[in-house]
Amino acid sequence: MAQFPDIQQPVYPFTTKIKDPSLQSEMENGLVISRARFTRTIQTFTLKWTALPVADYVTLRDFYCNTVYGGSLAFDWYYPTVDNDSYSGQLFSVRFTGGDISFDLAGPGYYSGTLTIQEV
């Protein structure tokens, strides 16, 4: 499996979205019944850079376009190192999601942009 490139860490805020695995239905009498729809909880991570060096951007772009073909293939990604967080440094199997990625040339030699990855 491909490995996310070794580039500059994303900036804060670092966003993690946890998908609700439940299925809920409202009955005619107003009672809501629910059950687990999925057997596991899927997480989505939004990574943001405000000053990604050109060399790192080129590496990321090549990885996106020529290694995993956008959201086509899964890859391994390590959660950033964060003190007192059980996810710190944990390996996740993910793929790009949310459609296109978009980066701006923020200044001479630096790009800014955001991308979203989701557990597979």
C-alpha atoms as a PDB file:
ATOM      1  CA  MET A   1       0.000   0.000   0.000  1.00  0.00           C
ATOM      2  CA  ALA A   2       1.201   3.511  -0.765  1.00  0.00           C
ATOM      3  CA  GLN A   3       2.463   5.755   2.036  1.00  0.00           C
ATOM      4  CA  PHE A   4       1.450   9.429   2.411  1.00  0.00           C
ATOM      5  CA  PRO A   5       4.492  11.518   1.470  1.00  0.00           C
ATOM      6  CA  ASP A   6       6.861  12.794   4.127  1.00  0.00           C
ATOM      7  CA  ILE A   7       6.069  16.494   3.847  1.00  0.00           C
ATOM      8  CA  GLN A   8       5.588  19.391   6.279  1.00  0.00           C
ATOM      9  CA  GLN A   9       2.935  18.712   8.947  1.00  0.00           C
ATOM     10  CA  PRO A  10      -0.453  20.407   8.469  1.00  0.00           C
ATOM     11  CA  VAL A  11      -1.240  23.506  10.505  1.00  0.00           C
ATOM     12  CA  TYR A  12      -3.821  23.949  13.237  1.00  0.00           C
ATOM     13  CA  PRO A  13      -6.730  23.737  13.529  1.00  0.00           C
ATOM     14  CA  PHE A  14      -6.565  20.049  12.653  1.00  0.00           C
ATOM     15  CA  THR A  15     -10.108  18.817  12.029  1.00  0.00           C
ATOM     16  CA  THR A  16     -11.394  15.305  12.747  1.00  0.00           C
ATOM     17  CA  LYS A  17     -14.989  14.473  11.879  1.00  0.00           C
ATOM     18  CA  ILE A  18     -16.518  11.278  13.268  1.00  0.00           C
ATOM     19  CA  LYS A  19     -19.456   9.941  11.274  1.00  0.00           C
ATOM     20  CA  ASP A  20     -22.510   8.978  13.320  1.00  0.00           C
ATOM     21  CA  PRO A  21     -22.973   5.225  12.703  1.00  0.00           C
ATOM     22  CA  SER A  22     -26.614   5.198  13.788  1.00  0.00           C
ATOM     23  CA  LEU A  23     -29.819   4.908  11.823  1.00  0.00           C
ATOM     24  CA  GLN A  24     -32.773   6.738  13.370  1.00  0.00           C
ATOM     25  CA  SER A  25     -36.438   6.672  12.422  1.00  0.00           C
ATOM     26  CA  GLU A  26     -39.279   8.733  13.842  1.00  0.00           C
ATOM     27  CA  MET A  27     -42.479   6.753  14.370  1.00  0.00           C
ATOM     28  CA  GLU A  28     -46.009   8.109  13.848  1.00  0.00           C
ATOM     29  CA  ASN A  29     -46.445   8.659  17.600  1.00  0.00           C
ATOM     30  CA  GLY A  30     -43.274  10.803  17.791  1.00  0.00           C
ATOM     31  CA  LEU A  31     -41.086   8.080  19.313  1.00  0.00           C
ATOM     32  CA  VAL A  32     -37.640   7.824  17.756  1.00  0.00           C
ATOM     33  CA  ILE A  33     -36.107   4.389  17.362  1.00  0.00           C
ATOM     34  CA  SER A  34     -32.475   3.851  16.532  1.00  0.00           C
ATOM     35  CA  ARG A  35     -29.913   1.158  15.871  1.00  0.00           C
ATOM     36  CA  ALA A  36     -26.339   0.910  14.701  1.00  0.00           C
ATOM     37  CA  ARG A  37     -26.264   1.164  10.914  1.00  0.00           C
ATOM     38  CA  PHE A  38     -22.555   0.421  10.548  1.00  0.00           C
ATOM     39  CA  THR A  39     -20.315  -1.940  12.490  1.00  0.00           C
ATOM     40  CA  ARG A  40     -17.597   0.694  12.864  1.00  0.00           C
ATOM     41  CA  THR A  41     -17.228   4.433  13.101  1.00  0.00           C
ATOM     42  CA  ILE A  42     -15.581   6.149  10.114  1.00  0.00           C
ATOM     43  CA  GLN A  43     -13.427   9.230  10.649  1.00  0.00           C
ATOM     44  CA  THR A  44     -12.592  12.006   8.228  1.00  0.00           C
ATOM     45  CA  PHE A  45      -9.538  14.235   8.655  1.00  0.00           C
ATOM     46  CA  THR A  46      -9.139  17.687   7.128  1.00  0.00           C
ATOM     47  CA  LEU A  47      -5.520  18.709   6.591  1.00  0.00           C
ATOM     48  CA  LYS A  48      -4.615  22.341   5.983  1.00  0.00           C
ATOM     49  CA  TRP A  49      -1.398  24.083   5.049  1.00  0.00           C
ATOM     50  CA  THR A  50      -0.858  27.852   4.973  1.00  0.00           C
ATOM     51  CA  ALA A  51       2.803  27.848   3.908  1.00  0.00           C
ATOM     52  CA  LEU A  52       3.659  24.508   2.268  1.00  0.00           C
ATOM     53  CA  PRO A  53       7.057  24.770   0.543  1.00  0.00           C
ATOM     54  CA  VAL A  54       6.992  24.266  -3.230  1.00  0.00           C
ATOM     55  CA  ALA A  55       9.043  21.042  -3.026  1.00  0.00           C
ATOM     56  CA  ASP A  56       6.520  19.543  -0.578  1.00  0.00           C
ATOM     57  CA  TYR A  57       3.590  20.723  -2.713  1.00  0.00           C
ATOM     58  CA  VAL A  58       5.114  19.118  -5.819  1.00  0.00           C
ATOM     59  CA  THR A  59       5.581  15.862  -3.865  1.00  0.00           C
ATOM     60  CA  LEU A  60       1.966  15.969  -2.633  1.00  0.00           C
ATOM     61  CA  ARG A  61       0.608  16.803  -6.096  1.00  0.00           C
ATOM     62  CA  ASP A  62       2.562  13.938  -7.665  1.00  0.00           C
ATOM     63  CA  PHE A  63       1.312  11.549  -4.971  1.00  0.00           C
ATOM     64  CA  TYR A  64      -2.303  12.654  -5.554  1.00  0.00           C
ATOM     65  CA  CYS A  65      -2.134  12.545  -9.368  1.00  0.00           C
ATOM     66  CA  ASN A  66       0.248   9.689 -10.129  1.00  0.00           C
ATOM     67  CA  THR A  67       0.329   7.360  -7.131  1.00  0.00           C
ATOM     68  CA  VAL A  68      -3.210   7.125  -5.711  1.00  0.00           C
ATOM     69  CA  TYR A  69      -5.066   8.758  -8.629  1.00  0.00           C
ATOM     70  CA  GLY A  70      -7.115  11.110  -6.493  1.00  0.00           C
ATOM     71  CA  GLY A  71      -9.556   9.140  -4.364  1.00  0.00           C
ATOM     72  CA  SER A  72      -9.081   5.902  -6.318  1.00  0.00           C
ATOM     73  CA  LEU A  73      -6.597   4.082  -4.092  1.00  0.00           C
ATOM     74  CA  ALA A  74      -6.120   3.808  -0.340  1.00  0.00           C
ATOM     75  CA  PHE A  75      -2.847   4.691   1.352  1.00  0.00           C
ATOM     76  CA  ASP A  76      -1.269   4.664   4.797  1.00  0.00           C
ATOM     77  CA  TRP A  77      -1.195   7.913   6.768  1.00  0.00           C
ATOM     78  CA  TYR A  78       0.115   8.632  10.257  1.00  0.00           C
ATOM     79  CA  TYR A  79      -1.844  10.904  12.579  1.00  0.00           C
ATOM     80  CA  PRO A  80       0.323  13.883  13.620  1.00  0.00           C
ATOM     81  CA  THR A  81       2.233  13.736  16.875  1.00  0.00           C
ATOM     82  CA  VAL A  82       0.090  15.374  19.567  1.00  0.00           C
ATOM     83  CA  ASP A  83       0.842  15.220  23.294  1.00  0.00           C
ATOM     84  CA  ASN A  84      -1.705  13.300  25.389  1.00  0.00           C
ATOM     85  CA  ASP A  85      -3.692  12.095  22.352  1.00  0.00           C
ATOM     86  CA  SER A  86      -4.138   8.338  21.948  1.00  0.00           C
ATOM     87  CA  TYR A  87      -4.163   8.799  18.147  1.00  0.00           C
ATOM     88  CA  SER A  88      -0.720  10.442  18.194  1.00  0.00           C
ATOM     89  CA  GLY A  89       1.422   8.723  15.564  1.00  0.00           C
ATOM     90  CA  GLN A  90      -1.251   6.078  14.881  1.00  0.00           C
ATOM     91  CA  LEU A  91      -1.400   4.522  11.413  1.00  0.00           C
ATOM     92  CA  PHE A  92      -4.667   4.898   9.461  1.00  0.00           C
ATOM     93  CA  SER A  93      -5.622   3.434   6.081  1.00  0.00           C
ATOM     94  CA  VAL A  94      -7.288   6.302   4.232  1.00  0.00           C
ATOM     95  CA  ARG A  95      -8.150   7.701   0.814  1.00  0.00           C
ATOM     96  CA  PHE A  96      -8.698  11.201  -0.503  1.00  0.00           C
ATOM     97  CA  THR A  97     -12.347  12.225  -0.348  1.00  0.00           C
ATOM     98  CA  GLY A  98     -14.472  15.318  -0.789  1.00  0.00           C
ATOM     99  CA  GLY A  99     -13.760  15.797  -4.484  1.00  0.00           C
ATOM    100  CA  ASP A 100     -10.952  17.925  -5.847  1.00  0.00           C
ATOM    101  CA  ILE A 101      -8.110  19.336  -3.795  1.00  0.00           C
ATOM    102  CA  SER A 102      -7.295  22.996  -4.181  1.00  0.00           C
ATOM    103  CA  PHE A 103      -4.038  24.818  -3.434  1.00  0.00           C
ATOM    104  CA  ASP A 104      -3.128  28.464  -3.961  1.00  0.00           C
ATOM    105  CA  LEU A 105       0.300  29.907  -4.594  1.00  0.00           C
ATOM    106  CA  ALA A 106       0.270  31.917  -1.350  1.00  0.00           C
ATOM    107  CA  GLY A 107       3.569  33.672  -1.858  1.00  0.00           C
ATOM    108  CA  PRO A 108       6.954  33.160  -3.450  1.00  0.00           C
ATOM    109  CA  GLY A 109       7.873  29.521  -2.795  1.00  0.00           C
ATOM    110  CA  TYR A 110       4.803  28.593  -0.720  1.00  0.00           C
ATOM    111  CA  TYR A 111       1.385  27.059  -1.339  1.00  0.00           C
ATOM    112  CA  SER A 112      -1.690  27.033   0.869  1.00  0.00           C
ATOM    113  CA  GLY A 113      -4.558  24.608   0.647  1.00  0.00           C
ATOM    114  CA  THR A 114      -6.788  22.027   2.228  1.00  0.00           C
ATOM    115  CA  LEU A 115      -7.545  18.375   1.533  1.00  0.00           C
ATOM    116  CA  THR A 116      -9.729  15.748   3.140  1.00  0.00           C
ATOM    117  CA  ILE A 117      -8.926  12.111   3.791  1.00  0.00           C
ATOM    118  CA  GLN A 118     -11.248   9.404   5.132  1.00  0.00           C
ATOM    119  CA  GLU A 119     -10.689   6.017   6.739  1.00  0.00           C
ATOM    120  CA  VAL A 120     -11.323   3.014   4.527  1.00  0.00           C
END
